[in-house]
């Protein structure tokens, strides 16, 4: 399975989804004009990955900011990861945010309560 890698732009985050090592990263700003263009390939890639996942998947989310439409798609990504977790695969999700950014800390906590799996909030 080929990695899904996209460089960051002023409106979209850096993406690196690698099935070989089970490491996924989303970093930067997510304010795309058309969120389907950004997130649909991620969701399709995750569908393929979850059909034959590694025993352990590690996800680092390092967003500085995201808009409402991105939040809906982020939830979809996290729900796919929840399915792995519920099937017994080790799924480690880390939510990185500035320790002074209460909104991003709260967003990570909200996602954790919505999907009901552990998300490690890491304040930097």
PDB file of N, CA and C in Angstrom:
ATOM      1  N   UNK A   1       0.847  -1.175   0.000  1.00  0.00           N
ATOM      2  CA  UNK A   1       0.000   0.000   0.000  1.00  0.00           C
ATOM      3  C   UNK A   1       0.894   1.240   0.000  1.00  0.00           C
ATOM      4  N   UNK A   2       0.646   2.134  -0.934  1.00  0.00           N
ATOM      5  CA  UNK A   2       1.466   3.335  -1.051  1.00  0.00           C
ATOM      6  C   UNK A   2       1.156   4.327   0.073  1.00  0.00           C
ATOM      7  N   UNK A   3       2.187   5.006   0.573  1.00  0.00           N
ATOM      8  CA  UNK A   3       1.946   6.065   1.559  1.00  0.00           C
ATOM      9  C   UNK A   3       1.144   7.201   0.930  1.00  0.00           C
ATOM     10  N   UNK A   4       0.386   7.871   1.752  1.00  0.00           N
ATOM     11  CA  UNK A   4      -0.335   9.075   1.334  1.00  0.00           C
ATOM     12  C   UNK A   4       0.404  10.257   1.957  1.00  0.00           C
ATOM     13  N   UNK A   5       1.098  11.019   1.120  1.00  0.00           N
ATOM     14  CA  UNK A   5       1.886  12.153   1.605  1.00  0.00           C
ATOM     15  C   UNK A   5       1.503  13.381   0.796  1.00  0.00           C
ATOM     16  N   UNK A   6       1.176  14.452   1.506  1.00  0.00           N
ATOM     17  CA  UNK A   6       0.894  15.740   0.867  1.00  0.00           C
ATOM     18  C   UNK A   6       1.583  16.825   1.671  1.00  0.00           C
ATOM     19  N   UNK A   7       2.286  17.688   0.959  1.00  0.00           N
ATOM     20  CA  UNK A   7       2.957  18.806   1.624  1.00  0.00           C
ATOM     21  C   UNK A   7       1.927  19.839   2.069  1.00  0.00           C
ATOM     22  N   UNK A   8       2.256  20.562   3.113  1.00  0.00           N
ATOM     23  CA  UNK A   8       1.378  21.604   3.636  1.00  0.00           C
ATOM     24  C   UNK A   8       1.307  22.777   2.663  1.00  0.00           C
ATOM     25  N   UNK A   9       0.174  23.437   2.687  1.00  0.00           N
ATOM     26  CA  UNK A   9      -0.006  24.691   1.969  1.00  0.00           C
ATOM     27  C   UNK A   9      -0.484  25.702   3.010  1.00  0.00           C
ATOM     28  N   UNK A  10      -0.652  26.966   2.618  1.00  0.00           N
ATOM     29  CA  UNK A  10      -1.178  27.919   3.603  1.00  0.00           C
ATOM     30  C   UNK A  10      -2.568  27.550   4.137  1.00  0.00           C
ATOM     31  N   UNK A  11      -3.307  26.697   3.402  1.00  0.00           N
ATOM     32  CA  UNK A  11      -4.655  26.342   3.834  1.00  0.00           C
ATOM     33  C   UNK A  11      -4.859  24.868   4.159  1.00  0.00           C
ATOM     34  N   UNK A  12      -3.857  24.041   3.885  1.00  0.00           N
ATOM     35  CA  UNK A  12      -4.023  22.612   4.145  1.00  0.00           C
ATOM     36  C   UNK A  12      -2.826  22.070   4.923  1.00  0.00           C
ATOM     37  N   UNK A  13      -3.072  21.059   5.741  1.00  0.00           N
ATOM     38  CA  UNK A  13      -1.994  20.521   6.575  1.00  0.00           C
ATOM     39  C   UNK A  13      -1.080  19.570   5.817  1.00  0.00           C
ATOM     40  N   UNK A  14       0.074  19.336   6.395  1.00  0.00           N
ATOM     41  CA  UNK A  14       0.972  18.276   5.955  1.00  0.00           C
ATOM     42  C   UNK A  14       0.316  16.954   6.319  1.00  0.00           C
ATOM     43  N   UNK A  15       0.345  16.007   5.402  1.00  0.00           N
ATOM     44  CA  UNK A  15      -0.211  14.680   5.636  1.00  0.00           C
ATOM     45  C   UNK A  15       0.850  13.633   5.353  1.00  0.00           C
ATOM     46  N   UNK A  16       0.946  12.657   6.225  1.00  0.00           N
ATOM     47  CA  UNK A  16       1.836  11.523   5.989  1.00  0.00           C
ATOM     48  C   UNK A  16       1.177  10.305   6.620  1.00  0.00           C
ATOM     49  N   UNK A  17       0.594   9.468   5.779  1.00  0.00           N
ATOM     50  CA  UNK A  17      -0.054   8.243   6.220  1.00  0.00           C
ATOM     51  C   UNK A  17       0.734   7.086   5.622  1.00  0.00           C
ATOM     52  N   UNK A  18       1.403   6.316   6.478  1.00  0.00           N
ATOM     53  CA  UNK A  18       2.307   5.275   6.014  1.00  0.00           C
ATOM     54  C   UNK A  18       1.858   3.923   6.573  1.00  0.00           C
ATOM     55  N   UNK A  19       1.409   3.050   5.696  1.00  0.00           N
ATOM     56  CA  UNK A  19       0.934   1.730   6.115  1.00  0.00           C
ATOM     57  C   UNK A  19       2.085   0.798   6.474  1.00  0.00           C
ATOM     58  N   UNK A  20       3.273   1.062   5.957  1.00  0.00           N
ATOM     59  CA  UNK A  20       4.422   0.195   6.211  1.00  0.00           C
ATOM     60  C   UNK A  20       4.817   0.197   7.680  1.00  0.00           C
ATOM     61  N   UNK A  21       4.768   1.387   8.305  1.00  0.00           N
ATOM     62  CA  UNK A  21       5.137   1.471   9.715  1.00  0.00           C
ATOM     63  C   UNK A  21       3.956   1.816  10.635  1.00  0.00           C
ATOM     64  N   UNK A  22       2.762   2.002  10.059  1.00  0.00           N
ATOM     65  CA  UNK A  22       1.576   2.286  10.873  1.00  0.00           C
ATOM     66  C   UNK A  22       1.612   3.644  11.537  1.00  0.00           C
ATOM     67  N   UNK A  23       2.323   4.587  10.921  1.00  0.00           N
ATOM     68  CA  UNK A  23       2.441   5.934  11.497  1.00  0.00           C
ATOM     69  C   UNK A  23       1.734   6.944  10.595  1.00  0.00           C
ATOM     70  N   UNK A  24       0.838   7.719  11.195  1.00  0.00           N
ATOM     71  CA  UNK A  24       0.075   8.727  10.466  1.00  0.00           C
ATOM     72  C   UNK A  24       0.287  10.077  11.134  1.00  0.00           C
ATOM     73  N   UNK A  25       0.417  11.118  10.313  1.00  0.00           N
ATOM     74  CA  UNK A  25       0.606  12.463  10.861  1.00  0.00           C
ATOM     75  C   UNK A  25      -0.220  13.472  10.067  1.00  0.00           C
ATOM     76  N   UNK A  26      -0.861  14.357  10.807  1.00  0.00           N
ATOM     77  CA  UNK A  26      -1.553  15.517  10.248  1.00  0.00           C
ATOM     78  C   UNK A  26      -0.996  16.713  11.005  1.00  0.00           C
ATOM     79  N   UNK A  27      -0.448  17.710  10.277  1.00  0.00           N
ATOM     80  CA  UNK A  27       0.191  18.840  10.961  1.00  0.00           C
ATOM     81  C   UNK A  27       0.012  20.122  10.179  1.00  0.00           C
ATOM     82  N   UNK A  28      -0.277  21.210  10.894  1.00  0.00           N
ATOM     83  CA  UNK A  28      -0.383  22.523  10.266  1.00  0.00           C
ATOM     84  C   UNK A  28      -1.768  23.115  10.422  1.00  0.00           C
ATOM     85  N   UNK A  29      -2.185  23.846   9.416  1.00  0.00           N
ATOM     86  CA  UNK A  29      -3.514  24.471   9.396  1.00  0.00           C
ATOM     87  C   UNK A  29      -4.415  23.704   8.445  1.00  0.00           C
ATOM     88  N   UNK A  30      -5.689  23.607   8.822  1.00  0.00           N
ATOM     89  CA  UNK A  30      -6.649  22.943   7.952  1.00  0.00           C
ATOM     90  C   UNK A  30      -7.851  23.855   7.756  1.00  0.00           C
ATOM     91  N   UNK A  31      -7.747  24.677   6.712  1.00  0.00           N
ATOM     92  CA  UNK A  31      -8.846  25.578   6.348  1.00  0.00           C
ATOM     93  C   UNK A  31      -9.069  25.505   4.834  1.00  0.00           C
ATOM     94  N   UNK A  32      -9.247  24.282   4.302  1.00  0.00           N
ATOM     95  CA  UNK A  32      -9.371  24.145   2.856  1.00  0.00           C
ATOM     96  C   UNK A  32     -10.674  24.742   2.340  1.00  0.00           C
ATOM     97  N   UNK A  33     -10.611  25.240   1.113  1.00  0.00           N
ATOM     98  CA  UNK A  33     -11.826  25.765   0.496  1.00  0.00           C
ATOM     99  C   UNK A  33     -12.791  24.634   0.178  1.00  0.00           C
ATOM    100  N   UNK A  34     -12.265  23.488  -0.221  1.00  0.00           N
ATOM    101  CA  UNK A  34     -13.091  22.316  -0.471  1.00  0.00           C
ATOM    102  C   UNK A  34     -12.536  21.157   0.361  1.00  0.00           C
ATOM    103  N   UNK A  35     -13.115  20.911   1.529  1.00  0.00           N
ATOM    104  CA  UNK A  35     -12.564  19.879   2.409  1.00  0.00           C
ATOM    105  C   UNK A  35     -12.636  18.475   1.808  1.00  0.00           C
ATOM    106  N   UNK A  36     -13.564  18.239   0.888  1.00  0.00           N
ATOM    107  CA  UNK A  36     -13.632  16.914   0.257  1.00  0.00           C
ATOM    108  C   UNK A  36     -12.343  16.599  -0.497  1.00  0.00           C
ATOM    109  N   UNK A  37     -11.764  17.603  -1.151  1.00  0.00           N
ATOM    110  CA  UNK A  37     -10.520  17.382  -1.893  1.00  0.00           C
ATOM    111  C   UNK A  37      -9.386  16.946  -0.967  1.00  0.00           C
ATOM    112  N   UNK A  38      -9.396  17.444   0.245  1.00  0.00           N
ATOM    113  CA  UNK A  38      -8.355  17.093   1.207  1.00  0.00           C
ATOM    114  C   UNK A  38      -8.653  15.767   1.906  1.00  0.00           C
ATOM    115  N   UNK A  39      -9.874  15.623   2.411  1.00  0.00           N
ATOM    116  CA  UNK A  39     -10.176  14.510   3.304  1.00  0.00           C
ATOM    117  C   UNK A  39     -10.692  13.250   2.623  1.00  0.00           C
ATOM    118  N   UNK A  40     -11.340  13.342   1.477  1.00  0.00           N
ATOM    119  CA  UNK A  40     -11.839  12.132   0.826  1.00  0.00           C
ATOM    120  C   UNK A  40     -10.713  11.137   0.532  1.00  0.00           C
ATOM    121  N   UNK A  41      -9.557  11.590  -0.008  1.00  0.00           N
ATOM    122  CA  UNK A  41      -8.467  10.628  -0.214  1.00  0.00           C
ATOM    123  C   UNK A  41      -7.964   9.999   1.093  1.00  0.00           C
ATOM    124  N   UNK A  42      -7.978  10.760   2.185  1.00  0.00           N
ATOM    125  CA  UNK A  42      -7.567  10.218   3.482  1.00  0.00           C
ATOM    126  C   UNK A  42      -8.537   9.128   3.925  1.00  0.00           C
ATOM    127  N   UNK A  43      -9.826   9.412   3.819  1.00  0.00           N
ATOM    128  CA  UNK A  43     -10.829   8.444   4.255  1.00  0.00           C
ATOM    129  C   UNK A  43     -10.775   7.172   3.407  1.00  0.00           C
ATOM    130  N   UNK A  44     -10.575   7.320   2.107  1.00  0.00           N
ATOM    131  CA  UNK A  44     -10.442   6.151   1.233  1.00  0.00           C
ATOM    132  C   UNK A  44      -9.187   5.356   1.579  1.00  0.00           C
ATOM    133  N   UNK A  45      -8.091   6.065   1.824  1.00  0.00           N
ATOM    134  CA  UNK A  45      -6.837   5.407   2.190  1.00  0.00           C
ATOM    135  C   UNK A  45      -7.032   4.632   3.493  1.00  0.00           C
ATOM    136  N   UNK A  46      -7.694   5.258   4.467  1.00  0.00           N
ATOM    137  CA  UNK A  46      -7.933   4.588   5.746  1.00  0.00           C
ATOM    138  C   UNK A  46      -8.829   3.364   5.592  1.00  0.00           C
ATOM    139  N   UNK A  47      -9.796   3.417   4.678  1.00  0.00           N
ATOM    140  CA  UNK A  47     -10.620   2.237   4.415  1.00  0.00           C
ATOM    141  C   UNK A  47      -9.745   1.071   3.965  1.00  0.00           C
ATOM    142  N   UNK A  48      -8.797   1.357   3.071  1.00  0.00           N
ATOM    143  CA  UNK A  48      -7.885   0.310   2.615  1.00  0.00           C
ATOM    144  C   UNK A  48      -7.008  -0.192   3.768  1.00  0.00           C
ATOM    145  N   UNK A  49      -6.471   0.741   4.538  1.00  0.00           N
ATOM    146  CA  UNK A  49      -5.580   0.368   5.643  1.00  0.00           C
ATOM    147  C   UNK A  49      -6.310  -0.475   6.685  1.00  0.00           C
ATOM    148  N   UNK A  50      -7.516  -0.083   7.044  1.00  0.00           N
ATOM    149  CA  UNK A  50      -8.231  -0.793   8.109  1.00  0.00           C
ATOM    150  C   UNK A  50      -8.674  -2.191   7.683  1.00  0.00           C
ATOM    151  N   UNK A  51      -8.641  -2.480   6.387  1.00  0.00           N
ATOM    152  CA  UNK A  51      -8.966  -3.837   5.950  1.00  0.00           C
ATOM    153  C   UNK A  51      -7.809  -4.803   6.233  1.00  0.00           C
ATOM    154  N   UNK A  52      -6.602  -4.268   6.420  1.00  0.00           N
ATOM    155  CA  UNK A  52      -5.440  -5.102   6.739  1.00  0.00           C
ATOM    156  C   UNK A  52      -4.428  -4.272   7.542  1.00  0.00           C
ATOM    157  N   UNK A  53      -4.797  -3.882   8.775  1.00  0.00           N
ATOM    158  CA  UNK A  53      -3.925  -2.982   9.546  1.00  0.00           C
ATOM    159  C   UNK A  53      -2.758  -3.703  10.199  1.00  0.00           C
ATOM    160  N   UNK A  54      -1.791  -2.911  10.598  1.00  0.00           N
ATOM    161  CA  UNK A  54      -0.701  -3.428  11.422  1.00  0.00           C
ATOM    162  C   UNK A  54      -1.226  -3.632  12.845  1.00  0.00           C
ATOM    163  N   UNK A  55      -0.526  -4.419  13.659  1.00  0.00           N
ATOM    164  CA  UNK A  55      -0.966  -4.609  15.041  1.00  0.00           C
ATOM    165  C   UNK A  55      -0.992  -3.308  15.843  1.00  0.00           C
ATOM    166  N   UNK A  56      -0.134  -2.348  15.460  1.00  0.00           N
ATOM    167  CA  UNK A  56      -0.090  -1.060  16.174  1.00  0.00           C
ATOM    168  C   UNK A  56      -0.127   0.085  15.166  1.00  0.00           C
ATOM    169  N   UNK A  57      -0.974   1.059  15.459  1.00  0.00           N
ATOM    170  CA  UNK A  57      -1.068   2.263  14.642  1.00  0.00           C
ATOM    171  C   UNK A  57      -0.837   3.464  15.549  1.00  0.00           C
ATOM    172  N   UNK A  58       0.031   4.364  15.118  1.00  0.00           N
ATOM    173  CA  UNK A  58       0.326   5.588  15.881  1.00  0.00           C
ATOM    174  C   UNK A  58      -0.080   6.788  15.042  1.00  0.00           C
ATOM    175  N   UNK A  59      -0.810   7.697  15.661  1.00  0.00           N
ATOM    176  CA  UNK A  59      -1.316   8.881  14.966  1.00  0.00           C
ATOM    177  C   UNK A  59      -0.911  10.127  15.746  1.00  0.00           C
ATOM    178  N   UNK A  60      -0.251  11.058  15.055  1.00  0.00           N
ATOM    179  CA  UNK A  60       0.085  12.352  15.647  1.00  0.00           C
ATOM    180  C   UNK A  60      -0.702  13.428  14.914  1.00  0.00           C
ATOM    181  N   UNK A  61      -1.506  14.156  15.673  1.00  0.00           N
ATOM    182  CA  UNK A  61      -2.262  15.275  15.125  1.00  0.00           C
ATOM    183  C   UNK A  61      -1.683  16.538  15.739  1.00  0.00           C
ATOM    184  N   UNK A  62      -1.114  17.372  14.878  1.00  0.00           N
ATOM    185  CA  UNK A  62      -0.427  18.582  15.327  1.00  0.00           C
ATOM    186  C   UNK A  62      -0.997  19.781  14.573  1.00  0.00           C
ATOM    187  N   UNK A  63      -2.266  20.040  14.792  1.00  0.00           N
ATOM    188  CA  UNK A  63      -2.918  21.134  14.081  1.00  0.00           C
ATOM    189  C   UNK A  63      -2.813  22.435  14.864  1.00  0.00           C
ATOM    190  N   UNK A  64      -2.479  23.488  14.149  1.00  0.00           N
ATOM    191  CA  UNK A  64      -2.450  24.826  14.744  1.00  0.00           C
ATOM    192  C   UNK A  64      -3.847  25.423  14.774  1.00  0.00           C
ATOM    193  N   UNK A  65      -4.609  25.103  13.733  1.00  0.00           N
ATOM    194  CA  UNK A  65      -5.969  25.634  13.599  1.00  0.00           C
ATOM    195  C   UNK A  65      -6.709  24.782  12.581  1.00  0.00           C
ATOM    196  N   UNK A  66      -8.018  24.618  12.788  1.00  0.00           N
ATOM    197  CA  UNK A  66      -8.861  23.973  11.777  1.00  0.00           C
ATOM    198  C   UNK A  66     -10.241  24.605  11.813  1.00  0.00           C
ATOM    199  N   UNK A  67     -10.886  24.619  10.644  1.00  0.00           N
ATOM    200  CA  UNK A  67     -12.205  25.230  10.561  1.00  0.00           C
ATOM    201  C   UNK A  67     -13.299  24.185  10.796  1.00  0.00           C
ATOM    202  N   UNK A  68     -14.533  24.638  10.765  1.00  0.00           N
ATOM    203  CA  UNK A  68     -15.664  23.768  11.075  1.00  0.00           C
ATOM    204  C   UNK A  68     -15.768  22.597  10.118  1.00  0.00           C
ATOM    205  N   UNK A  69     -15.595  22.861   8.822  1.00  0.00           N
ATOM    206  CA  UNK A  69     -15.713  21.747   7.873  1.00  0.00           C
ATOM    207  C   UNK A  69     -14.604  20.722   8.089  1.00  0.00           C
ATOM    208  N   UNK A  70     -13.421  21.170   8.449  1.00  0.00           N
ATOM    209  CA  UNK A  70     -12.336  20.230   8.750  1.00  0.00           C
ATOM    210  C   UNK A  70     -12.650  19.410   9.994  1.00  0.00           C
ATOM    211  N   UNK A  71     -13.327  20.024  10.965  1.00  0.00           N
ATOM    212  CA  UNK A  71     -13.629  19.309  12.201  1.00  0.00           C
ATOM    213  C   UNK A  71     -14.540  18.109  11.939  1.00  0.00           C
ATOM    214  N   UNK A  72     -15.465  18.261  10.996  1.00  0.00           N
ATOM    215  CA  UNK A  72     -16.367  17.161  10.644  1.00  0.00           C
ATOM    216  C   UNK A  72     -15.563  15.997  10.054  1.00  0.00           C
ATOM    217  N   UNK A  73     -14.642  16.315   9.167  1.00  0.00           N
ATOM    218  CA  UNK A  73     -13.835  15.278   8.548  1.00  0.00           C
ATOM    219  C   UNK A  73     -12.841  14.669   9.526  1.00  0.00           C
ATOM    220  N   UNK A  74     -12.290  15.481  10.425  1.00  0.00           N
ATOM    221  CA  UNK A  74     -11.400  14.935  11.455  1.00  0.00           C
ATOM    222  C   UNK A  74     -12.133  13.894  12.296  1.00  0.00           C
ATOM    223  N   UNK A  75     -13.382  14.185  12.601  1.00  0.00           N
ATOM    224  CA  UNK A  75     -14.180  13.229  13.360  1.00  0.00           C
ATOM    225  C   UNK A  75     -14.336  11.927  12.568  1.00  0.00           C
ATOM    226  N   UNK A  76     -14.533  12.028  11.270  1.00  0.00           N
ATOM    227  CA  UNK A  76     -14.640  10.822  10.430  1.00  0.00           C
ATOM    228  C   UNK A  76     -13.350  10.018  10.455  1.00  0.00           C
ATOM    229  N   UNK A  77     -12.220  10.699  10.400  1.00  0.00           N
ATOM    230  CA  UNK A  77     -10.914  10.028  10.486  1.00  0.00           C
ATOM    231  C   UNK A  77     -10.791   9.312  11.831  1.00  0.00           C
ATOM    232  N   UNK A  78     -11.133  10.014  12.895  1.00  0.00           N
ATOM    233  CA  UNK A  78     -11.017   9.422  14.227  1.00  0.00           C
ATOM    234  C   UNK A  78     -11.975   8.250  14.422  1.00  0.00           C
ATOM    235  N   UNK A  79     -13.142   8.292  13.797  1.00  0.00           N
ATOM    236  CA  UNK A  79     -14.079   7.170  13.902  1.00  0.00           C
ATOM    237  C   UNK A  79     -13.520   5.926  13.223  1.00  0.00           C
ATOM    238  N   UNK A  80     -12.803   6.107  12.127  1.00  0.00           N
ATOM    239  CA  UNK A  80     -12.167   4.960  11.468  1.00  0.00           C
ATOM    240  C   UNK A  80     -11.084   4.365  12.367  1.00  0.00           C
ATOM    241  N   UNK A  81     -10.365   5.219  13.069  1.00  0.00           N
ATOM    242  CA  UNK A  81      -9.354   4.745  14.010  1.00  0.00           C
ATOM    243  C   UNK A  81      -9.999   4.066  15.217  1.00  0.00           C
ATOM    244  N   UNK A  82     -11.154   4.563  15.608  1.00  0.00           N
ATOM    245  CA  UNK A  82     -11.890   3.943  16.706  1.00  0.00           C
ATOM    246  C   UNK A  82     -12.253   2.499  16.358  1.00  0.00           C
ATOM    247  N   UNK A  83     -12.624   2.272  15.107  1.00  0.00           N
ATOM    248  CA  UNK A  83     -12.971   0.912  14.681  1.00  0.00           C
ATOM    249  C   UNK A  83     -11.788  -0.032  14.882  1.00  0.00           C
ATOM    250  N   UNK A  84     -10.576   0.443  14.554  1.00  0.00           N
ATOM    251  CA  UNK A  84      -9.382  -0.370  14.792  1.00  0.00           C
ATOM    252  C   UNK A  84      -9.227  -0.685  16.273  1.00  0.00           C
ATOM    253  N   UNK A  85      -9.361   0.346  17.078  1.00  0.00           N
ATOM    254  CA  UNK A  85      -9.207   0.210  18.528  1.00  0.00           C
ATOM    255  C   UNK A  85     -10.216  -0.802  19.083  1.00  0.00           C
ATOM    256  N   UNK A  86     -11.449  -0.692  18.642  1.00  0.00           N
ATOM    257  CA  UNK A  86     -12.506  -1.571  19.136  1.00  0.00           C
ATOM    258  C   UNK A  86     -12.302  -3.017  18.688  1.00  0.00           C
ATOM    259  N   UNK A  87     -11.577  -3.204  17.565  1.00  0.00           N
ATOM    260  CA  UNK A  87     -11.273  -4.556  17.088  1.00  0.00           C
ATOM    261  C   UNK A  87     -10.056  -5.151  17.794  1.00  0.00           C
ATOM    262  N   UNK A  88      -9.454  -4.400  18.714  1.00  0.00           N
ATOM    263  CA  UNK A  88      -8.353  -4.914  19.502  1.00  0.00           C
ATOM    264  C   UNK A  88      -6.966  -4.527  19.016  1.00  0.00           C
ATOM    265  N   UNK A  89      -6.891  -3.702  17.981  1.00  0.00           N
ATOM    266  CA  UNK A  89      -5.589  -3.239  17.514  1.00  0.00           C
ATOM    267  C   UNK A  89      -5.113  -2.092  18.404  1.00  0.00           C
ATOM    268  N   UNK A  90      -3.820  -2.081  18.685  1.00  0.00           N
ATOM    269  CA  UNK A  90      -3.267  -0.983  19.476  1.00  0.00           C
ATOM    270  C   UNK A  90      -3.304   0.281  18.629  1.00  0.00           C
ATOM    271  N   UNK A  91      -4.006   1.284  19.128  1.00  0.00           N
ATOM    272  CA  UNK A  91      -4.199   2.528  18.388  1.00  0.00           C
ATOM    273  C   UNK A  91      -3.849   3.685  19.313  1.00  0.00           C
ATOM    274  N   UNK A  92      -2.717   4.328  19.039  1.00  0.00           N
ATOM    275  CA  UNK A  92      -2.234   5.425  19.880  1.00  0.00           C
ATOM    276  C   UNK A  92      -2.418   6.737  19.139  1.00  0.00           C
ATOM    277  N   UNK A  93      -3.262   7.580  19.689  1.00  0.00           N
ATOM    278  CA  UNK A  93      -3.534   8.882  19.079  1.00  0.00           C
ATOM    279  C   UNK A  93      -3.009   9.962  20.016  1.00  0.00           C
ATOM    280  N   UNK A  94      -2.149  10.830  19.477  1.00  0.00           N
ATOM    281  CA  UNK A  94      -1.615  11.954  20.244  1.00  0.00           C
ATOM    282  C   UNK A  94      -2.099  13.243  19.605  1.00  0.00           C
ATOM    283  N   UNK A  95      -2.631  14.125  20.421  1.00  0.00           N
ATOM    284  CA  UNK A  95      -3.151  15.424  19.997  1.00  0.00           C
ATOM    285  C   UNK A  95      -2.211  16.479  20.566  1.00  0.00           C
ATOM    286  N   UNK A  96      -1.385  17.053  19.711  1.00  0.00           N
ATOM    287  CA  UNK A  96      -0.413  18.061  20.141  1.00  0.00           C
ATOM    288  C   UNK A  96      -1.021  19.451  20.005  1.00  0.00           C
ATOM    289  N   UNK A  97      -0.792  20.285  21.019  1.00  0.00           N
ATOM    290  CA  UNK A  97      -1.297  21.660  20.948  1.00  0.00           C
ATOM    291  C   UNK A  97      -0.470  22.555  21.871  1.00  0.00           C
ATOM    292  N   UNK A  98      -0.525  23.812  21.572  1.00  0.00           N
ATOM    293  CA  UNK A  98       0.154  24.811  22.396  1.00  0.00           C
ATOM    294  C   UNK A  98      -0.497  24.824  23.774  1.00  0.00           C
ATOM    295  N   UNK A  99       0.320  24.790  24.818  1.00  0.00           N
ATOM    296  CA  UNK A  99      -0.241  24.736  26.171  1.00  0.00           C
ATOM    297  C   UNK A  99      -1.050  25.973  26.525  1.00  0.00           C
ATOM    298  N   UNK A 100      -0.913  27.035  25.737  1.00  0.00           N
ATOM    299  CA  UNK A 100      -1.689  28.262  25.986  1.00  0.00           C
ATOM    300  C   UNK A 100      -2.942  28.334  25.109  1.00  0.00           C
ATOM    301  N   UNK A 101      -3.143  27.339  24.253  1.00  0.00           N
ATOM    302  CA  UNK A 101      -4.275  27.357  23.325  1.00  0.00           C
ATOM    303  C   UNK A 101      -5.421  26.524  23.893  1.00  0.00           C
ATOM    304  N   UNK A 102      -6.218  27.158  24.731  1.00  0.00           N
ATOM    305  CA  UNK A 102      -7.319  26.459  25.389  1.00  0.00           C
ATOM    306  C   UNK A 102      -8.311  25.861  24.398  1.00  0.00           C
ATOM    307  N   UNK A 103      -8.531  26.533  23.268  1.00  0.00           N
ATOM    308  CA  UNK A 103      -9.479  26.025  22.276  1.00  0.00           C
ATOM    309  C   UNK A 103      -9.008  24.700  21.681  1.00  0.00           C
ATOM    310  N   UNK A 104      -7.724  24.598  21.353  1.00  0.00           N
ATOM    311  CA  UNK A 104      -7.211  23.360  20.776  1.00  0.00           C
ATOM    312  C   UNK A 104      -7.145  22.237  21.817  1.00  0.00           C
ATOM    313  N   UNK A 105      -6.833  22.585  23.054  1.00  0.00           N
ATOM    314  CA  UNK A 105      -6.848  21.586  24.128  1.00  0.00           C
ATOM    315  C   UNK A 105      -8.263  21.042  24.284  1.00  0.00           C
ATOM    316  N   UNK A 106      -9.221  21.946  24.319  1.00  0.00           N
ATOM    317  CA  UNK A 106     -10.619  21.550  24.464  1.00  0.00           C
ATOM    318  C   UNK A 106     -11.089  20.722  23.268  1.00  0.00           C
ATOM    319  N   UNK A 107     -10.644  21.082  22.072  1.00  0.00           N
ATOM    320  CA  UNK A 107     -11.026  20.312  20.888  1.00  0.00           C
ATOM    321  C   UNK A 107     -10.547  18.867  21.009  1.00  0.00           C
ATOM    322  N   UNK A 108      -9.306  18.677  21.427  1.00  0.00           N
ATOM    323  CA  UNK A 108      -8.788  17.321  21.615  1.00  0.00           C
ATOM    324  C   UNK A 108      -9.587  16.550  22.653  1.00  0.00           C
ATOM    325  N   UNK A 109      -9.923  17.218  23.747  1.00  0.00           N
ATOM    326  CA  UNK A 109     -10.728  16.580  24.792  1.00  0.00           C
ATOM    327  C   UNK A 109     -12.130  16.246  24.280  1.00  0.00           C
ATOM    328  N   UNK A 110     -12.692  17.152  23.481  1.00  0.00           N
ATOM    329  CA  UNK A 110     -14.020  16.897  22.910  1.00  0.00           C
ATOM    330  C   UNK A 110     -14.008  15.680  21.996  1.00  0.00           C
ATOM    331  N   UNK A 111     -12.998  15.602  21.131  1.00  0.00           N
ATOM    332  CA  UNK A 111     -12.899  14.437  20.246  1.00  0.00           C
ATOM    333  C   UNK A 111     -12.778  13.150  21.051  1.00  0.00           C
ATOM    334  N   UNK A 112     -11.991  13.207  22.109  1.00  0.00           N
ATOM    335  CA  UNK A 112     -11.823  12.023  22.945  1.00  0.00           C
ATOM    336  C   UNK A 112     -13.157  11.580  23.529  1.00  0.00           C
ATOM    337  N   UNK A 113     -13.947  12.517  24.009  1.00  0.00           N
ATOM    338  CA  UNK A 113     -15.224  12.137  24.606  1.00  0.00           C
ATOM    339  C   UNK A 113     -16.226  11.664  23.555  1.00  0.00           C
ATOM    340  N   UNK A 114     -16.142  12.217  22.351  1.00  0.00           N
ATOM    341  CA  UNK A 114     -17.073  11.824  21.291  1.00  0.00           C
ATOM    342  C   UNK A 114     -16.778  10.413  20.795  1.00  0.00           C
ATOM    343  N   UNK A 115     -15.510  10.116  20.525  1.00  0.00           N
ATOM    344  CA  UNK A 115     -15.190   8.804  19.952  1.00  0.00           C
ATOM    345  C   UNK A 115     -14.967   7.743  21.019  1.00  0.00           C
ATOM    346  N   UNK A 116     -14.819   8.165  22.257  1.00  0.00           N
ATOM    347  CA  UNK A 116     -14.728   7.257  23.393  1.00  0.00           C
ATOM    348  C   UNK A 116     -13.566   6.266  23.285  1.00  0.00           C
ATOM    349  N   UNK A 117     -12.413   6.777  22.847  1.00  0.00           N
ATOM    350  CA  UNK A 117     -11.170   6.021  22.934  1.00  0.00           C
ATOM    351  C   UNK A 117     -10.099   6.989  23.429  1.00  0.00           C
ATOM    352  N   UNK A 118      -9.016   6.483  23.982  1.00  0.00           N
ATOM    353  CA  UNK A 118      -8.002   7.381  24.525  1.00  0.00           C
ATOM    354  C   UNK A 118      -7.315   8.231  23.453  1.00  0.00           C
ATOM    355  N   UNK A 119      -7.221   9.503  23.739  1.00  0.00           N
ATOM    356  CA  UNK A 119      -6.408  10.431  22.954  1.00  0.00           C
ATOM    357  C   UNK A 119      -5.490  11.121  23.953  1.00  0.00           C
ATOM    358  N   UNK A 120      -4.208  11.013  23.727  1.00  0.00           N
ATOM    359  CA  UNK A 120      -3.254  11.644  24.631  1.00  0.00           C
ATOM    360  C   UNK A 120      -3.092  13.104  24.213  1.00  0.00           C
ATOM    361  N   UNK A 121      -3.469  14.023  25.090  1.00  0.00           N
ATOM    362  CA  UNK A 121      -3.324  15.450  24.842  1.00  0.00           C
ATOM    363  C   UNK A 121      -1.918  15.843  25.294  1.00  0.00           C
ATOM    364  N   UNK A 122      -1.123  16.341  24.358  1.00  0.00           N
ATOM    365  CA  UNK A 122       0.249  16.723  24.667  1.00  0.00           C
ATOM    366  C   UNK A 122       0.391  18.224  24.450  1.00  0.00           C
ATOM    367  N   UNK A 123       0.561  18.924  25.561  1.00  0.00           N
ATOM    368  CA  UNK A 123       0.699  20.380  25.505  1.00  0.00           C
ATOM    369  C   UNK A 123       2.167  20.740  25.348  1.00  0.00           C
ATOM    370  N   UNK A 124       2.475  21.505  24.298  1.00  0.00           N
ATOM    371  CA  UNK A 124       3.873  21.889  24.028  1.00  0.00           C
ATOM    372  C   UNK A 124       4.037  23.396  24.111  1.00  0.00           C
TER     373      UNK A 124
END
